[in-house]
Amino acid sequence: MTDDNPTVLCTAEQFTEGRWADLVRGMSPEAVANLMKEGTRACESACDRRLVPFTNVVETQRAQALDIEDTVEAQLPLDPIAALGLSRAQSFGATDLVRHAWLREFPPRYPEMWSATISAIELRWSFSGTTPVDVTGIQFEPDTGHVRFQLGTFVPIGTTLRFTYSGGYSTIPADLVLAGKFMCAGIVVKQLDPATRQSGHDPDALRNEAMEILGPYVRG
């Protein structure tokens, strides 16, 4: 199921084609559009992850560890870039170079509906400022968020890694569309009918329905 507006889980058209159309009948198109955004952000907050497409998010993390299969202590044939990186590391007395990083945003389900690209990576050190990484030389796996730096890239332990990347569900899974509907319905009922419940809907029950659908998407 595709979404004509990739900034929301559920579009106004999808919301008003079903059982909750009467809830927003008296609202302006702008108010309904804002409600769809509120419901989307509520779903993302509940999951502690981004679900709809995002652009140029900046994420920083600290380089921590070295995987044993990527150690460069063994005397292996190295290409010129790797040899230069190793030589530079040795000149600083740092031979443990980090090779792996994991981006925070990746698809918890349906990776075939997810797309992601890294537009920039910066390495930041206290001793020599900032250096960009050639993103064409990295290995990036969007389905897991795994990034592997090319052998020889100077990333000593403790380096600050600054990623700029875009991604998200370019095709919104149908269960997320449904969760968005329940979340939006709960929000509008709570706003318009908080006490009397004359609408016949319970906002807490609607939110609980959304949360049950979102269960497999919740981080960790």
Protein backbone atom coordinates (compact mmCIF):
# COMPACT_ATOMS: atom_id res chain seq x y z
CA MET A 1 0.00 0.00 0.00
CA THR A 2 1.50 3.29 -1.07
CA ASP A 3 1.03 6.66 0.54
CA ASP A 4 0.46 9.75 -1.57
CA ASN A 5 1.94 11.86 1.21
CA PRO A 6 5.14 10.17 2.39
CA THR A 7 5.37 12.41 5.47
CA VAL A 8 2.47 10.60 7.21
CA LEU A 9 1.53 7.00 7.89
CA CYS A 10 -2.12 7.56 7.02
CA THR A 11 -3.34 10.22 4.59
CA ALA A 12 -6.49 12.25 5.08
CA GLU A 13 -8.02 10.39 2.16
CA GLN A 14 -7.29 7.02 3.76
CA PHE A 15 -8.67 8.15 7.11
CA THR A 16 -11.92 9.54 5.75
CA GLU A 17 -12.71 6.58 3.50
CA GLY A 18 -13.65 4.41 6.49
CA ARG A 19 -15.44 4.30 9.81
CA TRP A 20 -13.90 7.47 11.27
CA ALA A 21 -14.92 9.91 8.54
CA ASP A 22 -17.61 11.45 10.78
CA LEU A 23 -15.01 12.32 13.41
CA VAL A 24 -13.38 14.90 11.15
CA ARG A 25 -16.39 15.98 9.11
CA GLY A 26 -16.44 19.43 10.72
CA MET A 27 -12.68 19.98 10.50
CA SER A 28 -10.91 21.97 7.80
CA PRO A 29 -8.63 20.13 5.34
CA GLU A 30 -5.63 21.80 6.99
CA ALA A 31 -6.74 20.62 10.44
CA VAL A 32 -7.21 17.07 9.16
CA ALA A 33 -3.76 17.13 7.53
CA ASN A 34 -2.23 18.30 10.81
CA LEU A 35 -4.07 15.51 12.64
CA MET A 36 -2.49 12.94 10.30
CA LYS A 37 0.95 14.36 11.13
CA GLU A 38 0.22 14.31 14.86
CA GLY A 39 -0.85 10.67 14.64
CA THR A 40 2.26 9.77 12.67
CA ARG A 41 4.60 11.41 15.16
CA ALA A 42 2.74 9.74 18.03
CA CYS A 43 3.31 6.35 16.40
CA GLU A 44 6.99 7.10 15.85
CA SER A 45 7.40 8.30 19.43
CA ALA A 46 5.73 5.15 20.73
CA CYS A 47 8.12 3.00 18.69
CA ASP A 48 11.19 5.17 19.37
CA ARG A 49 12.06 5.02 15.69
CA ARG A 50 11.33 6.82 12.45
CA LEU A 51 8.88 5.13 10.11
CA VAL A 52 7.99 7.61 7.36
CA PRO A 53 10.65 8.95 4.99
CA PHE A 54 13.16 11.37 6.49
CA THR A 55 15.83 13.46 4.80
CA ASN A 56 19.34 14.42 5.88
CA VAL A 57 19.09 13.37 9.50
CA VAL A 58 22.35 13.97 11.36
CA GLU A 59 23.43 11.29 13.82
CA THR A 60 26.59 11.20 15.91
CA GLN A 61 28.10 8.26 17.75
CA ARG A 62 31.40 7.31 19.31
CA ALA A 63 33.58 4.66 17.69
CA GLN A 64 33.97 1.93 20.30
CA ALA A 65 35.29 -1.42 19.15
CA LEU A 66 37.19 -3.51 16.62
CA ASP A 67 35.91 -6.80 15.21
CA ILE A 68 38.55 -9.52 15.30
CA GLU A 69 38.11 -10.55 11.67
CA ASP A 70 39.02 -7.04 10.61
CA THR A 71 42.23 -6.70 12.60
CA VAL A 72 45.14 -5.36 10.59
CA GLU A 73 47.81 -6.79 12.86
CA ALA A 74 48.26 -9.71 10.46
CA GLN A 75 50.65 -9.11 7.60
CA LEU A 76 48.12 -9.07 4.76
CA PRO A 77 48.57 -7.56 1.31
CA LEU A 78 47.03 -4.08 1.42
CA ASP A 79 46.01 -1.74 -1.36
CA PRO A 80 47.57 1.76 -1.39
CA ILE A 81 44.66 3.40 0.49
CA ALA A 82 44.68 0.77 3.23
CA ALA A 83 48.47 0.89 3.54
CA LEU A 84 48.38 4.68 3.86
CA GLY A 85 45.67 4.49 6.54
CA LEU A 86 47.60 1.85 8.51
CA SER A 87 50.80 3.89 8.26
CA ARG A 88 49.00 6.97 9.56
CA ALA A 89 47.48 5.00 12.43
CA GLN A 90 50.87 3.63 13.43
CA SER A 91 52.36 7.14 13.37
CA PHE A 92 49.79 8.14 16.01
CA GLY A 93 50.36 4.94 17.97
CA ALA A 94 46.83 3.70 17.19
CA THR A 95 46.71 0.38 15.35
CA ASP A 96 43.20 -0.64 16.52
CA LEU A 97 41.06 0.96 13.84
CA VAL A 98 37.28 0.70 14.06
CA ARG A 99 35.61 -0.83 11.01
CA HIS A 100 31.93 -1.05 11.96
CA ALA A 101 29.09 1.29 12.87
CA TRP A 102 25.32 0.82 13.03
CA LEU A 103 22.90 3.60 12.16
CA ARG A 104 20.01 4.12 14.55
CA GLU A 105 17.32 4.03 11.87
CA PHE A 106 16.71 0.79 9.97
CA PRO A 107 13.59 -1.25 9.10
CA PRO A 108 12.33 -3.43 11.98
CA ARG A 109 10.08 -5.25 9.49
CA TYR A 110 9.60 -5.39 5.70
CA PRO A 111 13.08 -4.27 4.60
CA GLU A 112 12.00 -4.57 0.96
CA MET A 113 9.77 -1.51 1.52
CA TRP A 114 12.59 0.54 3.07
CA SER A 115 15.15 2.69 1.33
CA ALA A 116 18.15 4.54 2.77
CA THR A 117 21.22 6.41 1.57
CA ILE A 118 24.18 7.95 3.36
CA SER A 119 25.10 11.33 1.92
CA ALA A 120 28.02 12.25 4.21
CA ILE A 121 30.23 10.89 6.98
CA GLU A 122 32.61 13.00 9.03
CA LEU A 123 35.29 11.78 11.42
CA ARG A 124 36.01 14.12 14.31
CA TRP A 125 39.07 13.96 16.55
CA SER A 126 40.29 16.19 19.33
CA PHE A 127 43.80 16.31 17.88
CA SER A 128 43.26 17.17 14.21
CA GLY A 129 39.77 18.48 13.57
CA THR A 130 37.31 16.98 11.08
CA THR A 131 37.88 14.74 8.07
CA PRO A 132 35.22 13.61 5.56
CA VAL A 133 34.91 9.98 4.46
CA ASP A 134 34.36 9.06 0.83
CA VAL A 135 30.91 7.43 1.09
CA THR A 136 31.44 5.62 -2.21
CA GLY A 137 34.07 3.47 -0.49
CA ILE A 138 31.95 2.22 2.42
CA GLN A 139 29.77 -0.87 2.66
CA PHE A 140 26.23 0.04 3.74
CA GLU A 141 23.43 -2.43 4.49
CA PRO A 142 20.13 -0.50 4.79
CA ASP A 143 18.22 -3.51 6.14
CA THR A 144 20.38 -3.65 9.29
CA GLY A 145 21.84 -0.14 9.38
CA HIS A 146 25.35 -1.65 9.30
CA VAL A 147 28.22 0.46 7.95
CA ARG A 148 31.68 -1.01 7.30
CA PHE A 149 34.55 1.37 6.66
CA GLN A 150 37.07 0.54 3.97
CA LEU A 151 40.26 -1.03 5.27
CA GLY A 152 42.75 1.77 5.90
CA THR A 153 40.21 4.42 6.84
CA PHE A 154 41.67 6.15 9.89
CA VAL A 155 39.00 5.57 12.57
CA PRO A 156 40.77 5.03 15.91
CA ILE A 157 38.71 4.05 18.95
CA GLY A 158 37.08 7.15 20.44
CA THR A 159 36.54 8.90 17.11
CA THR A 160 33.27 10.84 16.85
CA LEU A 161 31.35 9.62 13.81
CA ARG A 162 28.89 12.05 12.24
CA PHE A 163 26.50 10.52 9.70
CA THR A 164 24.09 12.41 7.45
CA TYR A 165 21.56 10.07 5.90
CA SER A 166 18.04 9.71 4.53
CA GLY A 167 15.64 6.79 4.65
CA GLY A 168 12.31 5.41 5.82
CA TYR A 169 9.48 3.33 4.45
CA SER A 170 9.05 4.61 0.92
CA THR A 171 6.07 2.25 0.73
CA ILE A 172 4.13 2.34 4.00
CA PRO A 173 3.23 -1.18 5.21
CA ALA A 174 -0.53 -1.68 5.53
CA ASP A 175 -0.34 -2.42 9.26
CA LEU A 176 1.35 0.93 9.88
CA VAL A 177 -1.38 2.67 7.91
CA LEU A 178 -3.94 0.99 10.20
CA ALA A 179 -1.97 1.96 13.31
CA GLY A 180 -1.93 5.53 12.05
CA LYS A 181 -5.71 5.47 11.66
CA PHE A 182 -6.27 4.22 15.21
CA MET A 183 -3.81 6.74 16.64
CA CYS A 184 -5.38 9.67 14.77
CA ALA A 185 -8.88 8.56 15.81
CA GLY A 186 -7.79 8.42 19.44
CA ILE A 187 -6.30 11.90 19.23
CA VAL A 188 -9.35 13.54 17.66
CA VAL A 189 -11.80 11.83 20.04
CA LYS A 190 -9.77 12.95 23.03
CA GLN A 191 -9.69 16.51 21.72
CA LEU A 192 -13.34 16.81 20.70
CA ASP A 193 -15.11 14.51 23.13
CA PRO A 194 -12.87 14.06 26.19
CA ALA A 195 -15.54 13.44 28.82
CA THR A 196 -19.02 12.64 27.53
CA ARG A 197 -17.93 9.99 24.99
CA GLN A 198 -21.02 10.83 22.91
CA SER A 199 -19.03 9.89 19.82
CA GLY A 200 -19.23 6.28 20.89
CA HIS A 201 -15.44 5.89 20.84
CA ASP A 202 -13.01 5.46 23.73
CA PRO A 203 -9.75 7.35 22.99
CA ASP A 204 -7.73 5.12 25.31
CA ALA A 205 -9.05 1.99 23.62
CA LEU A 206 -8.20 3.45 20.20
CA ARG A 207 -4.65 4.19 21.30
CA ASN A 208 -4.32 0.70 22.73
CA GLU A 209 -5.38 -0.73 19.37
CA ALA A 210 -2.66 1.35 17.70
CA MET A 211 -0.06 0.22 20.23
CA GLU A 212 -0.94 -3.44 19.71
CA ILE A 213 -0.33 -3.07 15.98
CA LEU A 214 2.91 -1.16 16.60
CA GLY A 215 4.27 -3.82 18.97
CA PRO A 216 6.62 -5.47 16.43
CA TYR A 217 8.01 -2.04 15.48
CA VAL A 218 8.93 -0.88 18.99
CA ARG A 219 12.69 -0.52 19.42
CA GLY A 220 14.42 -3.08 21.58
